[in-house]
């Protein structure tokens, strides 16, 4: 695991997150007697991400044992806890207004506001899809912002640096996070979701290769839509996310956009507790709209630097006979982090061969968290192409200017259309002489060139992974 990320996990431990004073006051008002209506309590709690986290942790602790049942929604949790404990719990937690600096408080309230908006959008879509447990979708969407919440509390200056790089230098959010923190905010959220045993849907939605899971995909769509709308409601990326949502819901783009904007206005009317400007403001601010439509943002180029120390650590662990890696997903995720953090490759994925051996789908990824389209890659192997050839034996290819004319026509159309680059590494992995998939890596931007050192490191990691998997398969 990334050392910086692990240090953050150790620093946070089991510390509670500050709650809103308004939440405490509303709950006290509702809990005057034991007959408080559960749905009213749920409405109050679900406005406060901190209280959502704490209630889920407390209620899941209550159900430990042989008959344990995971609590996955606030409604379930409140029924287990009872009115008295619900009333008392917030008073025992730190308060945003009393325990945080002005800088942390402002950043935290902005994040709470966006988390509430994303959750409201996600649950609206879940209801349209007739999801059986939409409350789970709401919680997963709200707590998707947990990493950002934590950094706002403990290192507001770092979060401000990320925002500044995104807004002023137009650096992609994920790259800005990696530059400032050494990991992404979603990495931190996933770490805490596992550490605190938060609902599995949160973890699924934070795993970029899970775009094929409808519930997780809905959460991803809602979160990414709100994140991009924060910067521009009218740029190409926001429009593409709206189109993706329309396709997913099987409705027209115009109807989807109308619904999204109407819901944004509704969220704004119910967001006074955050004391911050809602995203709907940018929909009605004439000057902002004109500027947004006129100017399409072009993201700045960020070329990641290699970290040889990280690369060596990954290679050493793969060669360790007593490795703690216990399943193929853990192995691939670990190796991809080595490619991303160690070699400095911006986007890396492992495409797993399906049982029928006629498709390749992403099973693990790094550096692709904010690109839902890329995470949905599904390569058809029924027609002969470059990846079909690669799978014939364990071999690698580096697509570059010297071989572009010859090789590009063989590149699967799915990669040509989505990758948006004509330079990448790819290598197949065989275990016991049978193909299991292909590693793919690129720098995301043509301005960041691939080089021979990176290619050699890439091939070494792929080869060592295949050797490790061979030992792993014998266990």
Protein backbone atom coordinates (compact mmCIF):
# COMPACT_ATOMS: atom_id res chain seq x y z
CA UNK A 1 0.00 0.00 0.00
CA UNK A 2 1.11 3.58 -0.68
CA UNK A 3 3.12 4.69 2.38
CA UNK A 4 1.58 8.18 2.41
CA UNK A 5 -1.90 6.68 2.26
CA UNK A 6 -1.14 4.24 5.07
CA UNK A 7 0.19 7.10 7.21
CA UNK A 8 -3.09 8.96 6.74
CA UNK A 9 -5.04 5.87 7.71
CA UNK A 10 -2.98 5.49 10.88
CA UNK A 11 -3.33 9.20 11.69
CA UNK A 12 -7.11 9.17 11.40
CA UNK A 13 -7.59 5.85 13.18
CA UNK A 14 -11.12 5.74 14.55
CA UNK A 15 -11.51 9.45 15.21
CA UNK A 16 -15.07 10.75 14.65
CA UNK A 17 -15.88 13.41 12.05
CA UNK A 18 -17.35 16.76 13.21
CA UNK A 19 -21.13 17.10 12.82
CA UNK A 20 -23.27 20.14 12.07
CA UNK A 21 -24.76 22.05 15.01
CA UNK A 22 -28.00 22.26 13.05
CA UNK A 23 -28.13 18.45 12.97
CA UNK A 24 -27.85 18.25 16.75
CA UNK A 25 -30.58 20.87 17.22
CA UNK A 26 -32.97 19.20 14.77
CA UNK A 27 -32.52 15.77 16.35
CA UNK A 28 -33.06 17.12 19.86
CA UNK A 29 -36.26 18.76 18.64
CA UNK A 30 -37.53 15.52 17.07
CA UNK A 31 -36.51 13.27 19.96
CA UNK A 32 -38.42 15.10 22.68
CA UNK A 33 -40.49 11.95 23.03
CA UNK A 34 -39.98 8.31 22.06
CA UNK A 35 -42.52 8.50 19.25
CA UNK A 36 -40.36 10.43 16.79
CA UNK A 37 -41.21 9.39 13.24
CA UNK A 38 -38.34 7.38 11.80
CA UNK A 39 -38.52 8.96 8.34
CA UNK A 40 -38.08 12.44 9.83
CA UNK A 41 -35.01 11.27 11.75
CA UNK A 42 -33.62 9.73 8.58
CA UNK A 43 -34.09 13.00 6.67
CA UNK A 44 -32.10 14.92 9.29
CA UNK A 45 -29.27 12.39 9.59
CA UNK A 46 -28.90 12.05 5.83
CA UNK A 47 -28.08 15.75 5.54
CA UNK A 48 -24.93 15.23 7.63
CA UNK A 49 -22.20 12.95 6.19
CA UNK A 50 -20.35 12.84 9.52
CA UNK A 51 -23.36 11.55 11.41
CA UNK A 52 -24.08 9.04 8.63
CA UNK A 53 -20.59 7.59 9.08
CA UNK A 54 -20.82 7.44 12.86
CA UNK A 55 -24.29 5.90 12.94
CA UNK A 56 -23.30 3.20 10.45
CA UNK A 57 -20.20 2.38 12.50
CA UNK A 58 -22.12 2.25 15.79
CA UNK A 59 -25.01 0.19 14.42
CA UNK A 60 -22.71 -2.32 12.71
CA UNK A 61 -20.83 -2.78 15.99
CA UNK A 62 -24.16 -3.60 17.63
CA UNK A 63 -24.78 -6.47 15.21
CA UNK A 64 -21.43 -8.20 15.57
CA UNK A 65 -21.43 -11.91 16.32
CA UNK A 66 -22.61 -15.13 14.72
CA UNK A 67 -25.92 -13.58 13.66
CA UNK A 68 -24.37 -10.42 12.29
CA UNK A 69 -26.26 -8.58 9.55
CA UNK A 70 -24.50 -5.71 7.80
CA UNK A 71 -26.32 -2.39 8.19
CA UNK A 72 -26.28 -0.65 4.82
CA UNK A 73 -28.69 2.28 5.22
CA UNK A 74 -29.49 4.98 7.76
CA UNK A 75 -33.08 3.75 8.03
CA UNK A 76 -31.85 0.30 9.15
CA UNK A 77 -29.32 1.81 11.53
CA UNK A 78 -31.80 4.09 13.29
CA UNK A 79 -34.24 1.25 13.89
CA UNK A 80 -31.48 -0.72 15.62
CA UNK A 81 -30.19 2.18 17.71
CA UNK A 82 -33.45 3.58 19.05
CA UNK A 83 -34.54 7.18 19.66
CA UNK A 84 -32.60 7.70 22.89
CA UNK A 85 -29.21 6.78 21.45
CA UNK A 86 -29.88 8.69 18.23
CA UNK A 87 -30.62 11.78 20.33
CA UNK A 88 -27.51 11.40 22.51
CA UNK A 89 -24.92 10.41 19.88
CA UNK A 90 -24.44 13.78 18.09
CA UNK A 91 -23.82 15.59 21.39
CA UNK A 92 -20.86 13.28 22.05
CA UNK A 93 -19.27 14.05 18.69
CA UNK A 94 -17.07 17.04 17.78
CA UNK A 95 -18.86 19.99 16.19
CA UNK A 96 -17.90 21.72 12.95
CA UNK A 97 -18.65 25.11 14.44
CA UNK A 98 -16.76 24.52 17.72
CA UNK A 99 -13.85 22.25 16.80
CA UNK A 100 -12.59 23.37 13.40
CA UNK A 101 -10.70 26.38 12.08
CA UNK A 102 -12.52 28.77 9.78
CA UNK A 103 -10.57 27.45 6.78
CA UNK A 104 -11.42 23.81 7.53
CA UNK A 105 -15.04 24.68 8.27
CA UNK A 106 -15.57 26.44 4.93
CA UNK A 107 -13.98 23.63 2.92
CA UNK A 108 -15.90 20.99 4.85
CA UNK A 109 -19.26 22.68 4.31
CA UNK A 110 -18.59 22.95 0.58
CA UNK A 111 -17.80 19.23 0.50
CA UNK A 112 -20.89 18.37 2.58
CA UNK A 113 -23.02 20.38 0.16
CA UNK A 114 -21.68 18.52 -2.88
CA UNK A 115 -22.01 15.16 -1.14
CA UNK A 116 -25.66 15.93 -0.36
CA UNK A 117 -26.26 16.99 -3.97
CA UNK A 118 -24.62 13.85 -5.41
CA UNK A 119 -26.57 11.59 -3.04
CA UNK A 120 -29.86 13.29 -3.92
CA UNK A 121 -29.14 12.88 -7.63
CA UNK A 122 -28.09 9.25 -7.27
CA UNK A 123 -31.16 8.24 -5.25
CA UNK A 124 -33.44 9.97 -7.79
CA UNK A 125 -31.94 7.79 -10.52
CA UNK A 126 -32.11 4.71 -8.28
CA UNK A 127 -35.84 5.25 -7.79
CA UNK A 128 -36.31 5.66 -11.55
CA UNK A 129 -34.60 2.31 -12.02
CA UNK A 130 -36.87 0.80 -9.34
CA UNK A 131 -33.91 -0.03 -7.10
CA UNK A 132 -35.11 -2.20 -4.20
CA UNK A 133 -32.96 -0.37 -1.61
CA UNK A 134 -32.38 3.22 -2.81
CA UNK A 135 -31.31 4.30 0.70
CA UNK A 136 -28.12 2.27 0.18
CA UNK A 137 -27.41 4.21 -3.00
CA UNK A 138 -27.92 7.49 -1.15
CA UNK A 139 -25.43 6.60 1.59
CA UNK A 140 -22.83 5.27 -0.88
CA UNK A 141 -22.99 8.48 -2.92
CA UNK A 142 -22.73 10.76 0.10
CA UNK A 143 -19.83 8.89 1.67
CA UNK A 144 -17.99 8.73 -1.65
CA UNK A 145 -16.70 12.15 -0.54
CA UNK A 146 -15.22 10.81 2.71
CA UNK A 147 -11.60 11.25 1.60
CA UNK A 148 -12.21 14.88 0.68
CA UNK A 149 -13.97 15.42 4.02
CA UNK A 150 -11.00 14.04 5.94
CA UNK A 151 -8.43 16.16 4.09
CA UNK A 152 -10.59 19.26 4.64
CA UNK A 153 -10.41 18.56 8.39
CA UNK A 154 -6.76 17.58 8.79
CA UNK A 155 -4.98 19.37 5.92
CA UNK A 156 -7.17 22.16 4.49
CA UNK A 157 -4.14 23.78 2.86
CA UNK A 158 -3.56 20.64 0.79
CA UNK A 159 -7.19 20.52 -0.32
CA UNK A 160 -7.00 24.19 -1.31
CA UNK A 161 -3.86 23.41 -3.34
CA UNK A 162 -5.74 20.66 -5.18
CA UNK A 163 -8.65 23.02 -5.92
CA UNK A 164 -6.23 25.72 -7.12
CA UNK A 165 -4.39 23.36 -9.46
CA UNK A 166 -7.73 22.22 -10.87
CA UNK A 167 -9.30 25.66 -11.29
CA UNK A 168 -6.33 27.86 -12.18
CA UNK A 169 -3.88 25.47 -13.81
CA UNK A 170 -6.53 23.15 -15.30
CA UNK A 171 -4.78 20.04 -14.04
CA UNK A 172 -7.05 16.98 -13.97
CA UNK A 173 -8.43 16.44 -10.46
CA UNK A 174 -6.98 12.98 -9.99
CA UNK A 175 -3.51 14.10 -11.10
CA UNK A 176 -3.67 17.17 -8.84
CA UNK A 177 -4.55 14.94 -5.89
CA UNK A 178 -1.66 12.62 -6.65
CA UNK A 179 0.80 15.52 -6.96
CA UNK A 180 -0.29 17.09 -3.65
CA UNK A 181 -1.01 13.99 -1.55
CA UNK A 182 0.77 11.10 -3.24
CA UNK A 183 -2.59 9.32 -3.59
CA UNK A 184 -6.12 10.22 -4.65
CA UNK A 185 -9.00 11.25 -2.42
CA UNK A 186 -10.90 8.18 -3.62
CA UNK A 187 -7.98 6.00 -2.46
CA UNK A 188 -8.37 7.49 1.03
CA UNK A 189 -12.14 6.97 0.98
CA UNK A 190 -11.70 3.32 0.00
CA UNK A 191 -9.13 2.78 2.75
CA UNK A 192 -11.48 4.21 5.40
CA UNK A 193 -14.53 2.41 4.00
CA UNK A 194 -12.72 -0.89 4.55
CA UNK A 195 -11.20 0.14 7.90
CA UNK A 196 -14.55 1.31 9.29
CA UNK A 197 -16.55 -1.51 7.64
CA UNK A 198 -18.83 0.85 5.76
CA UNK A 199 -21.41 -0.63 3.35
CA UNK A 200 -20.01 -2.73 0.49
CA UNK A 201 -21.73 -0.57 -2.16
CA UNK A 202 -19.42 2.31 -1.19
CA UNK A 203 -16.41 0.11 -1.82
CA UNK A 204 -17.86 -1.19 -5.09
CA UNK A 205 -18.52 2.34 -6.37
CA UNK A 206 -14.96 3.38 -5.50
CA UNK A 207 -13.50 0.55 -7.57
CA UNK A 208 -13.28 1.99 -11.07
CA UNK A 209 -13.51 -1.36 -12.86
CA UNK A 210 -17.03 -1.90 -11.46
CA UNK A 211 -18.74 0.21 -14.13
CA UNK A 212 -20.55 -2.94 -15.28
CA UNK A 213 -22.41 -3.11 -11.94
CA UNK A 214 -25.55 -0.94 -12.38
CA UNK A 215 -25.84 0.26 -8.76
CA UNK A 216 -22.14 1.11 -8.47
CA UNK A 217 -22.23 2.79 -11.89
CA UNK A 218 -25.16 4.98 -10.84
CA UNK A 219 -23.20 6.19 -7.82
CA UNK A 220 -20.13 6.87 -9.99
CA UNK A 221 -22.20 8.82 -12.53
CA UNK A 222 -23.86 11.02 -9.91
CA UNK A 223 -20.60 11.78 -8.11
CA UNK A 224 -18.65 12.56 -11.28
CA UNK A 225 -21.48 14.72 -12.62
CA UNK A 226 -21.50 16.87 -9.48
CA UNK A 227 -17.71 17.05 -9.38
CA UNK A 228 -17.54 18.32 -12.95
CA UNK A 229 -20.55 20.64 -12.59
CA UNK A 230 -18.64 22.32 -9.75
CA UNK A 231 -16.29 23.69 -12.41
CA UNK A 232 -18.57 23.97 -15.42
CA UNK A 233 -22.13 22.82 -16.11
CA UNK A 234 -21.64 23.25 -19.86
CA UNK A 235 -18.26 21.78 -20.77
CA UNK A 236 -17.78 18.65 -22.86
CA UNK A 237 -17.10 16.38 -19.88
CA UNK A 238 -20.26 17.37 -18.00
CA UNK A 239 -22.32 17.02 -21.17
CA UNK A 240 -20.82 13.56 -21.81
CA UNK A 241 -21.70 12.45 -18.27
CA UNK A 242 -25.27 13.65 -18.79
CA UNK A 243 -25.41 11.74 -22.08
CA UNK A 244 -24.07 8.62 -20.33
CA UNK A 245 -26.77 8.96 -17.67
CA UNK A 246 -29.47 9.40 -20.33
CA UNK A 247 -28.28 6.27 -22.15
CA UNK A 248 -28.16 4.33 -18.88
CA UNK A 249 -31.71 5.37 -17.96
CA UNK A 250 -32.90 4.86 -21.55
CA UNK A 251 -34.31 8.36 -21.91
CA UNK A 252 -33.60 11.40 -24.07
CA UNK A 253 -30.67 13.68 -23.35
CA UNK A 254 -32.97 16.72 -23.19
CA UNK A 255 -35.23 15.10 -20.60
CA UNK A 256 -32.25 14.02 -18.50
CA UNK A 257 -30.70 17.50 -18.49
CA UNK A 258 -34.02 19.09 -17.56
CA UNK A 259 -34.35 16.67 -14.63
CA UNK A 260 -30.76 17.27 -13.47
CA UNK A 261 -31.25 21.05 -13.49
CA UNK A 262 -34.61 20.86 -11.72
CA UNK A 263 -33.13 18.65 -9.03
CA UNK A 264 -30.20 21.04 -8.63
CA UNK A 265 -32.70 23.82 -7.89
CA UNK A 266 -34.51 21.60 -5.38
CA UNK A 267 -31.23 20.74 -3.66
CA UNK A 268 -30.40 24.45 -3.44
CA UNK A 269 -33.68 25.12 -1.63
CA UNK A 270 -32.84 22.47 0.98
CA UNK A 271 -29.15 23.28 1.51
CA UNK A 272 -29.24 26.25 3.88
CA UNK A 273 -27.58 24.17 6.62
CA UNK A 274 -24.31 24.20 4.64
CA UNK A 275 -24.16 27.99 4.37
CA UNK A 276 -22.42 27.80 1.00
CA UNK A 277 -23.31 28.63 -2.59
CA UNK A 278 -25.11 25.65 -4.22
CA UNK A 279 -24.25 24.42 -7.71
CA UNK A 280 -27.63 25.61 -9.02
CA UNK A 281 -26.30 29.17 -8.72
CA UNK A 282 -24.14 28.61 -11.79
CA UNK A 283 -27.19 27.55 -13.80
CA UNK A 284 -28.89 30.92 -13.34
CA UNK A 285 -25.86 33.22 -13.20
CA UNK A 286 -25.99 34.75 -16.69
CA UNK A 287 -22.33 35.79 -16.81
CA UNK A 288 -21.17 32.36 -15.67
CA UNK A 289 -23.35 30.62 -18.27
CA UNK A 290 -22.02 32.81 -21.10
CA UNK A 291 -18.43 32.21 -20.04
CA UNK A 292 -18.96 28.47 -19.62
CA UNK A 293 -20.55 28.02 -23.04
CA UNK A 294 -17.92 30.15 -24.76
CA UNK A 295 -14.89 28.52 -23.15
CA UNK A 296 -14.28 24.80 -23.26
CA UNK A 297 -11.67 23.79 -20.73
CA UNK A 298 -8.52 22.12 -21.97
CA UNK A 299 -6.84 20.18 -19.17
CA UNK A 300 -3.19 20.88 -18.54
CA UNK A 301 -0.63 18.22 -19.29
CA UNK A 302 0.76 16.38 -16.26
CA UNK A 303 3.56 13.91 -16.88
CA UNK A 304 4.05 11.70 -13.84
CA UNK A 305 7.62 11.14 -12.66
CA UNK A 306 8.86 7.62 -11.90
CA UNK A 307 9.49 6.57 -8.31
CA UNK A 308 12.18 3.89 -8.36
CA UNK A 309 11.79 3.17 -4.64
CA UNK A 310 8.12 2.27 -5.12
CA UNK A 311 8.93 0.18 -8.19
CA UNK A 312 11.56 -1.81 -6.28
CA UNK A 313 9.16 -2.41 -3.38
CA UNK A 314 6.55 -3.82 -5.76
CA UNK A 315 9.08 -6.10 -7.46
CA UNK A 316 10.40 -7.31 -4.09
CA UNK A 317 6.91 -8.18 -2.90
CA UNK A 318 6.21 -10.15 -6.07
CA UNK A 319 9.39 -12.15 -5.49
CA UNK A 320 8.62 -12.72 -1.80
CA UNK A 321 7.59 -16.32 -1.14
CA UNK A 322 5.60 -15.21 1.92
CA UNK A 323 3.62 -12.50 0.13
CA UNK A 324 0.37 -11.35 1.75
CA UNK A 325 -1.34 -11.03 -1.65
CA UNK A 326 -4.03 -13.69 -1.57
CA UNK A 327 -6.21 -13.29 -4.68
CA UNK A 328 -5.90 -12.21 -8.29
CA UNK A 329 -7.66 -8.88 -7.76
CA UNK A 330 -5.28 -7.90 -4.96
CA UNK A 331 -2.29 -8.92 -7.08
CA UNK A 332 -3.38 -6.92 -10.11
CA UNK A 333 -4.35 -3.85 -8.08
CA UNK A 334 -0.95 -3.93 -6.36
CA UNK A 335 0.94 -4.29 -9.64
CA UNK A 336 -1.05 -1.49 -11.29
CA UNK A 337 -0.20 0.85 -8.42
CA UNK A 338 3.43 -0.06 -9.10
CA UNK A 339 3.03 0.86 -12.75
CA UNK A 340 1.25 4.11 -11.94
CA UNK A 341 3.25 5.25 -8.91
CA UNK A 342 6.54 3.47 -9.63
CA UNK A 343 6.97 3.76 -13.40
CA UNK A 344 4.91 6.95 -13.66
CA UNK A 345 2.35 5.73 -16.20
CA UNK A 346 -0.80 7.85 -16.01
CA UNK A 347 -3.41 5.21 -16.93
CA UNK A 348 -2.92 1.51 -16.35
CA UNK A 349 -5.45 -1.32 -16.46
CA UNK A 350 -5.55 -5.09 -16.46
CA UNK A 351 -8.00 -6.47 -19.01
CA UNK A 352 -9.19 -9.89 -17.88
CA UNK A 353 -10.07 -12.59 -20.40
CA UNK A 354 -13.64 -13.82 -19.85
CA UNK A 355 -14.63 -17.48 -19.45
CA UNK A 356 -15.69 -17.77 -23.11
CA UNK A 357 -12.36 -16.19 -24.15
CA UNK A 358 -14.07 -13.82 -26.58
CA UNK A 359 -13.90 -10.56 -24.60
CA UNK A 360 -11.47 -8.57 -22.47
CA UNK A 361 -12.88 -6.40 -19.68
CA UNK A 362 -11.18 -4.22 -17.09
CA UNK A 363 -10.77 -6.08 -13.81
CA UNK A 364 -8.33 -3.67 -12.12
CA UNK A 365 -7.27 -0.09 -12.84
CA UNK A 366 -5.15 2.81 -11.59
CA UNK A 367 -5.19 6.41 -12.74
CA UNK A 368 -8.64 6.13 -14.34
CA UNK A 369 -10.93 7.04 -11.43
CA UNK A 370 -12.52 10.06 -13.10
CA UNK A 371 -12.94 8.51 -16.55
CA UNK A 372 -16.08 6.36 -16.56
CA UNK A 373 -15.94 5.89 -20.33
CA UNK A 374 -12.42 4.46 -20.19
CA UNK A 375 -13.34 2.21 -17.27
CA UNK A 376 -16.11 0.69 -19.41
CA UNK A 377 -13.74 -0.68 -22.08
CA UNK A 378 -14.89 -4.06 -23.40
CA UNK A 379 -12.64 -5.47 -26.14
CA UNK A 380 -14.26 -7.88 -28.59
CA UNK A 381 -11.90 -10.73 -29.52
CA UNK A 382 -14.14 -12.39 -32.10
CA UNK A 383 -12.38 -10.50 -34.87
CA UNK A 384 -8.61 -10.73 -35.24
CA UNK A 385 -6.89 -7.65 -33.83
CA UNK A 386 -3.73 -6.66 -31.96
CA UNK A 387 -4.95 -7.99 -28.62
CA UNK A 388 -5.94 -11.35 -30.15
CA UNK A 389 -2.38 -11.62 -31.48
CA UNK A 390 -0.87 -10.65 -28.11
CA UNK A 391 -2.84 -13.39 -26.36
CA UNK A 392 -1.32 -16.12 -28.56
CA UNK A 393 1.76 -16.12 -26.34
CA UNK A 394 3.19 -13.95 -23.55
CA UNK A 395 4.49 -10.94 -25.48
CA UNK A 396 4.52 -7.15 -25.40
CA UNK A 397 4.10 -4.25 -27.79
CA UNK A 398 4.94 -0.54 -27.61
CA UNK A 399 2.86 1.47 -30.03
CA UNK A 400 4.81 4.56 -31.11
CA UNK A 401 5.56 6.73 -34.14
CA UNK A 402 7.99 4.22 -35.64
CA UNK A 403 5.38 1.45 -35.96
CA UNK A 404 2.13 3.45 -35.91
CA UNK A 405 1.33 3.03 -39.61
CA UNK A 406 1.73 -0.73 -39.39
CA UNK A 407 0.13 -1.44 -36.00
CA UNK A 408 -2.60 1.19 -35.55
CA UNK A 409 -5.04 -0.52 -37.98
CA UNK A 410 -4.76 -3.65 -35.79
CA UNK A 411 -5.59 -1.84 -32.54
CA UNK A 412 -9.09 -2.85 -31.33
CA UNK A 413 -11.67 -0.22 -32.27
CA UNK A 414 -12.75 0.01 -28.62
CA UNK A 415 -9.25 1.19 -27.68
CA UNK A 416 -8.98 3.53 -30.67
CA UNK A 417 -12.24 5.27 -29.79
CA UNK A 418 -11.85 5.57 -26.02
CA UNK A 419 -8.11 5.80 -25.26
CA UNK A 420 -7.66 9.01 -27.31
CA UNK A 421 -3.92 8.37 -27.66
CA UNK A 422 -1.79 6.64 -30.28
CA UNK A 423 1.01 5.61 -27.96
CA UNK A 424 0.71 2.85 -25.37
CA UNK A 425 2.26 -0.28 -23.87
CA UNK A 426 0.44 -3.62 -23.82
CA UNK A 427 1.55 -7.07 -22.70
CA UNK A 428 -0.29 -10.34 -22.35
CA UNK A 429 0.05 -12.50 -19.25
CA UNK A 430 0.08 -16.31 -19.37
CA UNK A 431 -0.16 -18.61 -16.37
CA UNK A 432 0.67 -22.29 -16.94
CA UNK A 433 0.78 -21.57 -20.69
CA UNK A 434 -2.77 -20.20 -20.69
CA UNK A 435 -3.65 -16.52 -21.31
CA UNK A 436 -5.47 -14.72 -18.49
CA UNK A 437 -5.43 -11.15 -19.80
CA UNK A 438 -3.52 -8.08 -20.95
CA UNK A 439 -1.87 -5.19 -19.13
CA UNK A 440 -2.42 -1.84 -20.88
CA UNK A 441 -0.68 1.45 -20.01
CA UNK A 442 -0.43 4.95 -21.48
CA UNK A 443 0.35 8.51 -20.45
CA UNK A 444 -3.15 9.75 -21.33
CA UNK A 445 -1.76 12.75 -23.20
CA UNK A 446 0.32 12.86 -26.39
CA UNK A 447 2.53 15.56 -24.83
CA UNK A 448 3.80 13.02 -22.27
CA UNK A 449 5.90 10.59 -24.26
CA UNK A 450 6.62 6.99 -23.40
CA UNK A 451 10.28 5.93 -23.29
CA UNK A 452 12.39 2.78 -23.44
CA UNK A 453 13.15 2.75 -19.70
CA UNK A 454 9.44 2.83 -18.88
CA UNK A 455 8.80 0.08 -21.43
CA UNK A 456 11.48 -2.16 -19.92
CA UNK A 457 10.13 -1.58 -16.38
CA UNK A 458 6.60 -2.28 -17.66
CA UNK A 459 7.65 -5.59 -19.23
CA UNK A 460 9.57 -6.57 -16.09
CA UNK A 461 6.53 -5.96 -13.88
CA UNK A 462 4.28 -7.92 -16.25
CA UNK A 463 6.75 -10.83 -16.38
CA UNK A 464 7.16 -10.93 -12.59
CA UNK A 465 3.38 -10.81 -12.19
CA UNK A 466 2.99 -13.82 -14.47
CA UNK A 467 5.64 -15.70 -12.46
CA UNK A 468 3.93 -14.77 -9.19
CA UNK A 469 0.55 -15.88 -10.52
CA UNK A 470 2.06 -19.21 -11.54
CA UNK A 471 3.25 -19.80 -7.95
CA UNK A 472 -0.07 -18.50 -6.67
CA UNK A 473 -2.03 -20.98 -8.84
CA UNK A 474 -0.17 -23.93 -7.27
CA UNK A 475 -1.15 -23.00 -3.71
